[in-house]
Amino acid sequence: MHIFYRLLVLIPLLSPLVQAQPLNVLPDNEKLCMEAVGRLLARQQAIFSNSQAEPNQRRLAERAIDTTREAFSESESYCQAQAALQAYESQKDKDDSFQQRQGEVNYFGRSTI
């Protein structure tokens, strides 16, 4: 009977551990943005990796990926990274002075050999 009373005292102490919910590290909006950024970056990576795409199109994809990485490293927010990528995508068609930048891929394996 003495053991029964000890168990009776332990049950209320252990119940919060049994009912504990997994820790939600990211807010719900960040989770949605993380999924969206993943889809958008996958699309840009597919363009950049496509050896049949035009070099300028591949450079634009490379810059979009870099812009997203920079935004995420500054803010550590997937929503900010998504906003930066979408802003870049909306501005890229308006850039008349598109020039290759130092450090960018300038040879995409096309040759006349």
Protein backbone atom coordinates (compact mmCIF):
# COMPACT_ATOMS: atom_id res chain seq x y z
CA MET A 1 0.00 0.00 0.00
CA HIS A 2 2.90 2.30 0.76
CA ILE A 3 4.17 1.95 -2.86
CA PHE A 4 0.74 2.89 -4.17
CA TYR A 5 0.87 6.24 -2.38
CA ARG A 6 4.32 6.98 -3.78
CA LEU A 7 3.09 6.28 -7.30
CA LEU A 8 0.05 8.43 -6.67
CA VAL A 9 2.35 11.34 -5.78
CA LEU A 10 4.55 10.79 -8.88
CA ILE A 11 1.71 10.71 -11.44
CA PRO A 12 0.93 14.45 -11.29
CA LEU A 13 4.64 15.22 -11.51
CA LEU A 14 5.13 13.11 -14.66
CA SER A 15 1.97 14.14 -16.50
CA PRO A 16 3.48 17.34 -18.01
CA LEU A 17 6.27 15.26 -19.51
CA VAL A 18 3.80 12.90 -21.16
CA GLN A 19 1.68 15.75 -22.51
CA ALA A 20 4.62 17.84 -23.73
CA GLN A 21 4.30 19.09 -27.28
CA PRO A 22 7.28 19.24 -29.65
CA LEU A 23 9.03 22.59 -29.59
CA ASN A 24 8.06 24.83 -32.52
CA VAL A 25 11.33 26.59 -33.33
CA LEU A 26 10.10 28.64 -36.30
CA PRO A 27 6.91 30.68 -36.35
CA ASP A 28 4.29 29.42 -38.78
CA ASN A 29 4.94 32.23 -41.28
CA GLU A 30 8.66 31.40 -41.33
CA LYS A 31 7.83 27.77 -42.10
CA LEU A 32 5.68 28.86 -45.03
CA CYS A 33 8.41 31.19 -46.25
CA MET A 34 11.02 28.45 -45.89
CA GLU A 35 8.96 26.18 -48.14
CA ALA A 36 8.41 28.97 -50.67
CA VAL A 37 12.11 29.89 -50.73
CA GLY A 38 12.96 26.24 -51.26
CA ARG A 39 10.67 26.04 -54.28
CA LEU A 40 11.88 29.34 -55.74
CA LEU A 41 15.55 28.46 -55.26
CA ALA A 42 15.02 25.02 -56.78
CA ARG A 43 13.61 26.72 -59.88
CA GLN A 44 16.60 29.09 -60.07
CA GLN A 45 19.03 26.21 -59.55
CA ALA A 46 17.38 24.27 -62.37
CA ILE A 47 17.84 27.25 -64.70
CA PHE A 48 21.46 27.73 -63.63
CA SER A 49 22.23 24.03 -64.08
CA ASN A 50 20.61 23.78 -67.51
CA SER A 51 23.47 23.59 -69.99
CA GLN A 52 21.09 24.42 -72.85
CA ALA A 53 19.99 27.75 -71.34
CA GLU A 54 21.44 31.03 -72.57
CA PRO A 55 24.47 32.29 -70.59
CA ASN A 56 22.69 35.49 -69.51
CA GLN A 57 19.69 33.52 -68.30
CA ARG A 58 22.02 31.32 -66.26
CA ARG A 59 23.79 34.40 -64.84
CA LEU A 60 20.45 35.87 -63.80
CA ALA A 61 19.64 32.64 -61.97
CA GLU A 62 23.06 32.73 -60.30
CA ARG A 63 22.47 36.30 -59.15
CA ALA A 64 19.01 35.44 -57.85
CA ILE A 65 20.50 32.62 -55.78
CA ASP A 66 23.26 34.93 -54.47
CA THR A 67 20.73 37.66 -53.62
CA THR A 68 18.67 35.18 -51.63
CA ARG A 69 21.71 33.86 -49.77
CA GLU A 70 22.84 37.38 -48.88
CA ALA A 71 19.38 38.36 -47.62
CA PHE A 72 19.14 35.24 -45.49
CA SER A 73 22.63 35.64 -44.04
CA GLU A 74 21.87 39.25 -43.05
CA SER A 75 18.47 38.69 -41.49
CA GLU A 76 18.36 34.93 -40.84
CA SER A 77 14.73 35.12 -41.94
CA TYR A 78 13.24 33.00 -44.69
CA CYS A 79 10.55 35.62 -45.24
CA GLN A 80 13.18 38.31 -45.84
CA ALA A 81 15.04 35.98 -48.19
CA GLN A 82 11.82 35.29 -50.10
CA ALA A 83 11.09 39.00 -50.37
CA ALA A 84 14.61 39.68 -51.67
CA LEU A 85 14.33 36.91 -54.27
CA GLN A 86 10.93 38.10 -55.45
CA ALA A 87 12.15 41.70 -55.63
CA TYR A 88 15.16 40.60 -57.66
CA GLU A 89 12.98 38.57 -60.02
CA SER A 90 10.68 41.55 -60.60
CA GLN A 91 13.64 43.89 -61.28
CA LYS A 92 15.81 41.65 -63.46
CA ASP A 93 13.87 42.39 -66.65
CA LYS A 94 14.27 46.14 -66.13
CA ASP A 95 18.08 46.06 -65.96
CA ASP A 96 19.39 47.42 -69.27
CA SER A 97 23.03 47.40 -68.15
CA PHE A 98 23.37 43.66 -67.65
CA GLN A 99 27.10 42.97 -67.48
CA GLN A 100 29.07 40.01 -66.26
CA ARG A 101 30.45 40.61 -62.77
CA GLN A 102 33.82 39.50 -61.48
CA GLY A 103 33.61 36.01 -60.02
CA GLU A 104 30.53 34.97 -61.97
CA VAL A 105 30.53 31.96 -64.20
CA ASN A 106 31.53 33.20 -67.63
CA TYR A 107 32.12 29.93 -69.40
CA PHE A 108 29.24 27.51 -69.59
CA GLY A 109 30.93 24.73 -71.51
CA ARG A 110 29.92 25.90 -74.96
CA SER A 111 32.61 25.65 -77.54
CA THR A 112 33.03 25.40 -81.26
CA ILE A 113 35.54 22.54 -81.05
